[in-house]
Amino acid sequence: MLRTITIGTTVSVQGIFVRDMPDGRVSVKVDKEVYVGKPITAKN
């Protein structure tokens, strides 16, 4: 499943979901790198 996260205030990363972190952040994998950041939620 693809997830989008923010790293800092302006950088967004979209990748394959890896896992939820205990502090509410999410980790995603892009190629061989794993990034951790705050998930972007959909606005309805």
PDB file of N, CA and C in Angstrom:
ATOM      1  N   MET A   1       0.839  -1.162   0.000  1.00  0.00           N
ATOM      2  CA  MET A   1       0.000   0.000   0.000  1.00  0.00           C
ATOM      3  C   MET A   1       0.894   1.239   0.000  1.00  0.00           C
ATOM      4  N   LEU A   2       0.595   2.187  -0.846  1.00  0.00           N
ATOM      5  CA  LEU A   2       1.344   3.431  -0.902  1.00  0.00           C
ATOM      6  C   LEU A   2       0.876   4.373   0.197  1.00  0.00           C
ATOM      7  N   ARG A   3       1.815   5.056   0.831  1.00  0.00           N
ATOM      8  CA  ARG A   3       1.503   6.062   1.845  1.00  0.00           C
ATOM      9  C   ARG A   3       2.340   7.298   1.551  1.00  0.00           C
ATOM     10  N   THR A   4       1.819   8.449   1.915  1.00  0.00           N
ATOM     11  CA  THR A   4       2.544   9.704   1.767  1.00  0.00           C
ATOM     12  C   THR A   4       2.815  10.270   3.145  1.00  0.00           C
ATOM     13  N   ILE A   5       4.057  10.693   3.370  1.00  0.00           N
ATOM     14  CA  ILE A   5       4.440  11.271   4.655  1.00  0.00           C
ATOM     15  C   ILE A   5       5.121  12.612   4.419  1.00  0.00           C
ATOM     16  N   THR A   6       5.179  13.433   5.461  1.00  0.00           N
ATOM     17  CA  THR A   6       5.941  14.667   5.396  1.00  0.00           C
ATOM     18  C   THR A   6       7.162  14.532   6.290  1.00  0.00           C
ATOM     19  N   ILE A   7       8.262  15.060   5.798  1.00  0.00           N
ATOM     20  CA  ILE A   7       9.499  15.105   6.555  1.00  0.00           C
ATOM     21  C   ILE A   7       9.850  16.582   6.675  1.00  0.00           C
ATOM     22  N   GLY A   8       9.839  17.105   7.868  1.00  0.00           N
ATOM     23  CA  GLY A   8      10.047  18.535   8.050  1.00  0.00           C
ATOM     24  C   GLY A   8       8.778  19.295   7.684  1.00  0.00           C
ATOM     25  N   THR A   9       8.936  20.487   7.118  1.00  0.00           N
ATOM     26  CA  THR A   9       7.759  21.296   6.803  1.00  0.00           C
ATOM     27  C   THR A   9       7.401  21.312   5.324  1.00  0.00           C
ATOM     28  N   THR A  10       8.354  20.987   4.457  1.00  0.00           N
ATOM     29  CA  THR A  10       8.079  21.120   3.025  1.00  0.00           C
ATOM     30  C   THR A  10       8.346  19.880   2.188  1.00  0.00           C
ATOM     31  N   VAL A  11       8.953  18.859   2.743  1.00  0.00           N
ATOM     32  CA  VAL A  11       9.323  17.679   1.959  1.00  0.00           C
ATOM     33  C   VAL A  11       8.301  16.568   2.165  1.00  0.00           C
ATOM     34  N   SER A  12       7.741  16.064   1.072  1.00  0.00           N
ATOM     35  CA  SER A  12       6.810  14.939   1.113  1.00  0.00           C
ATOM     36  C   SER A  12       7.451  13.747   0.411  1.00  0.00           C
ATOM     37  N   VAL A  13       7.187  12.552   0.945  1.00  0.00           N
ATOM     38  CA  VAL A  13       7.722  11.319   0.362  1.00  0.00           C
ATOM     39  C   VAL A  13       6.574  10.334   0.221  1.00  0.00           C
ATOM     40  N   GLN A  14       6.491   9.691  -0.939  1.00  0.00           N
ATOM     41  CA  GLN A  14       5.482   8.670  -1.156  1.00  0.00           C
ATOM     42  C   GLN A  14       6.194   7.351  -1.418  1.00  0.00           C
ATOM     43  N   GLY A  15       5.793   6.313  -0.666  1.00  0.00           N
ATOM     44  CA  GLY A  15       6.437   5.024  -0.833  1.00  0.00           C
ATOM     45  C   GLY A  15       5.598   3.895  -0.279  1.00  0.00           C
ATOM     46  N   ILE A  16       6.161   2.713  -0.259  1.00  0.00           N
ATOM     47  CA  ILE A  16       5.490   1.513   0.225  1.00  0.00           C
ATOM     48  C   ILE A  16       5.477   1.533   1.759  1.00  0.00           C
ATOM     49  N   PHE A  17       4.306   1.345   2.334  1.00  0.00           N
ATOM     50  CA  PHE A  17       4.161   1.342   3.788  1.00  0.00           C
ATOM     51  C   PHE A  17       5.000   0.232   4.399  1.00  0.00           C
ATOM     52  N   VAL A  18       5.757   0.568   5.464  1.00  0.00           N
ATOM     53  CA  VAL A  18       6.566  -0.409   6.180  1.00  0.00           C
ATOM     54  C   VAL A  18       5.939  -0.706   7.532  1.00  0.00           C
ATOM     55  N   ARG A  19       5.767   0.335   8.373  1.00  0.00           N
ATOM     56  CA  ARG A  19       5.148   0.107   9.673  1.00  0.00           C
ATOM     57  C   ARG A  19       4.782   1.417  10.349  1.00  0.00           C
ATOM     58  N   ASP A  20       3.877   1.327  11.329  1.00  0.00           N
ATOM     59  CA  ASP A  20       3.524   2.450  12.187  1.00  0.00           C
ATOM     60  C   ASP A  20       4.513   2.504  13.335  1.00  0.00           C
ATOM     61  N   MET A  21       4.974   3.690  13.662  1.00  0.00           N
ATOM     62  CA  MET A  21       5.891   3.873  14.778  1.00  0.00           C
ATOM     63  C   MET A  21       5.074   4.162  16.041  1.00  0.00           C
ATOM     64  N   PRO A  22       5.608   3.873  17.225  1.00  0.00           N
ATOM     65  CA  PRO A  22       4.862   4.090  18.473  1.00  0.00           C
ATOM     66  C   PRO A  22       4.472   5.548  18.725  1.00  0.00           C
ATOM     67  N   ASP A  23       5.217   6.492  18.150  1.00  0.00           N
ATOM     68  CA  ASP A  23       4.932   7.911  18.386  1.00  0.00           C
ATOM     69  C   ASP A  23       3.975   8.518  17.367  1.00  0.00           C
ATOM     70  N   GLY A  24       3.364   7.697  16.501  1.00  0.00           N
ATOM     71  CA  GLY A  24       2.385   8.183  15.533  1.00  0.00           C
ATOM     72  C   GLY A  24       2.950   8.429  14.144  1.00  0.00           C
ATOM     73  N   ARG A  25       4.256   8.361  14.001  1.00  0.00           N
ATOM     74  CA  ARG A  25       4.852   8.525  12.678  1.00  0.00           C
ATOM     75  C   ARG A  25       4.735   7.214  11.903  1.00  0.00           C
ATOM     76  N   VAL A  26       5.013   7.273  10.600  1.00  0.00           N
ATOM     77  CA  VAL A  26       4.901   6.120   9.709  1.00  0.00           C
ATOM     78  C   VAL A  26       6.218   5.981   8.959  1.00  0.00           C
ATOM     79  N   SER A  27       6.635   4.750   8.700  1.00  0.00           N
ATOM     80  CA  SER A  27       7.821   4.554   7.867  1.00  0.00           C
ATOM     81  C   SER A  27       7.402   3.983   6.515  1.00  0.00           C
ATOM     82  N   VAL A  28       8.051   4.499   5.464  1.00  0.00           N
ATOM     83  CA  VAL A  28       7.795   4.051   4.094  1.00  0.00           C
ATOM     84  C   VAL A  28       9.122   3.746   3.428  1.00  0.00           C
ATOM     85  N   LYS A  29       9.081   2.851   2.446  1.00  0.00           N
ATOM     86  CA  LYS A  29      10.287   2.451   1.728  1.00  0.00           C
ATOM     87  C   LYS A  29      10.214   2.948   0.290  1.00  0.00           C
ATOM     88  N   VAL A  30      11.287   3.608  -0.143  1.00  0.00           N
ATOM     89  CA  VAL A  30      11.431   4.074  -1.521  1.00  0.00           C
ATOM     90  C   VAL A  30      12.742   3.495  -2.030  1.00  0.00           C
ATOM     91  N   ASP A  31      12.658   2.608  -3.005  1.00  0.00           N
ATOM     92  CA  ASP A  31      13.819   1.859  -3.488  1.00  0.00           C
ATOM     93  C   ASP A  31      14.461   1.131  -2.306  1.00  0.00           C
ATOM     94  N   LYS A  32      15.690   1.485  -1.936  1.00  0.00           N
ATOM     95  CA  LYS A  32      16.347   0.805  -0.823  1.00  0.00           C
ATOM     96  C   LYS A  32      16.350   1.634   0.459  1.00  0.00           C
ATOM     97  N   GLU A  33      15.808   2.847   0.410  1.00  0.00           N
ATOM     98  CA  GLU A  33      15.801   3.752   1.559  1.00  0.00           C
ATOM     99  C   GLU A  33      14.475   3.674   2.306  1.00  0.00           C
ATOM    100  N   VAL A  34      14.531   3.792   3.632  1.00  0.00           N
ATOM    101  CA  VAL A  34      13.339   3.846   4.463  1.00  0.00           C
ATOM    102  C   VAL A  34      13.280   5.228   5.103  1.00  0.00           C
ATOM    103  N   TYR A  35      12.137   5.907   4.953  1.00  0.00           N
ATOM    104  CA  TYR A  35      11.932   7.242   5.492  1.00  0.00           C
ATOM    105  C   TYR A  35      10.861   7.183   6.579  1.00  0.00           C
ATOM    106  N   VAL A  36      11.013   8.030   7.594  1.00  0.00           N
ATOM    107  CA  VAL A  36      10.050   8.097   8.685  1.00  0.00           C
ATOM    108  C   VAL A  36       9.550   9.528   8.773  1.00  0.00           C
ATOM    109  N   GLY A  37       8.214   9.687   8.875  1.00  0.00           N
ATOM    110  CA  GLY A  37       7.644  11.026   8.981  1.00  0.00           C
ATOM    111  C   GLY A  37       6.193  10.960   9.390  1.00  0.00           C
ATOM    112  N   LYS A  38       5.559  12.122   9.416  1.00  0.00           N
ATOM    113  CA  LYS A  38       4.157  12.214   9.794  1.00  0.00           C
ATOM    114  C   LYS A  38       3.275  11.874   8.595  1.00  0.00           C
ATOM    115  N   PRO A  39       2.264  11.045   8.795  1.00  0.00           N
ATOM    116  CA  PRO A  39       1.399  10.684   7.669  1.00  0.00           C
ATOM    117  C   PRO A  39       0.519  11.849   7.247  1.00  0.00           C
ATOM    118  N   ILE A  40       0.244  11.912   5.950  1.00  0.00           N
ATOM    119  CA  ILE A  40      -0.674  12.913   5.406  1.00  0.00           C
ATOM    120  C   ILE A  40      -2.051  12.271   5.364  1.00  0.00           C
ATOM    121  N   THR A  41      -3.020  12.922   5.954  1.00  0.00           N
ATOM    122  CA  THR A  41      -4.382  12.406   5.968  1.00  0.00           C
ATOM    123  C   THR A  41      -5.207  13.049   4.870  1.00  0.00           C
ATOM    124  N   ALA A  42      -6.135  12.308   4.324  1.00  0.00           N
ATOM    125  CA  ALA A  42      -7.006  12.817   3.260  1.00  0.00           C
ATOM    126  C   ALA A  42      -8.035  13.779   3.840  1.00  0.00           C
ATOM    127  N   LYS A  43      -8.293  14.862   3.116  1.00  0.00           N
ATOM    128  CA  LYS A  43      -9.316  15.819   3.535  1.00  0.00           C
ATOM    129  C   LYS A  43     -10.598  15.497   2.793  1.00  0.00           C
ATOM    130  N   ASN A  44     -11.672  15.380   3.522  1.00  0.00           N
ATOM    131  CA  ASN A  44     -12.969  15.082   2.890  1.00  0.00           C
ATOM    132  C   ASN A  44     -13.829  16.287   2.798  1.00  0.00           C
TER     133      ASN A  44
END
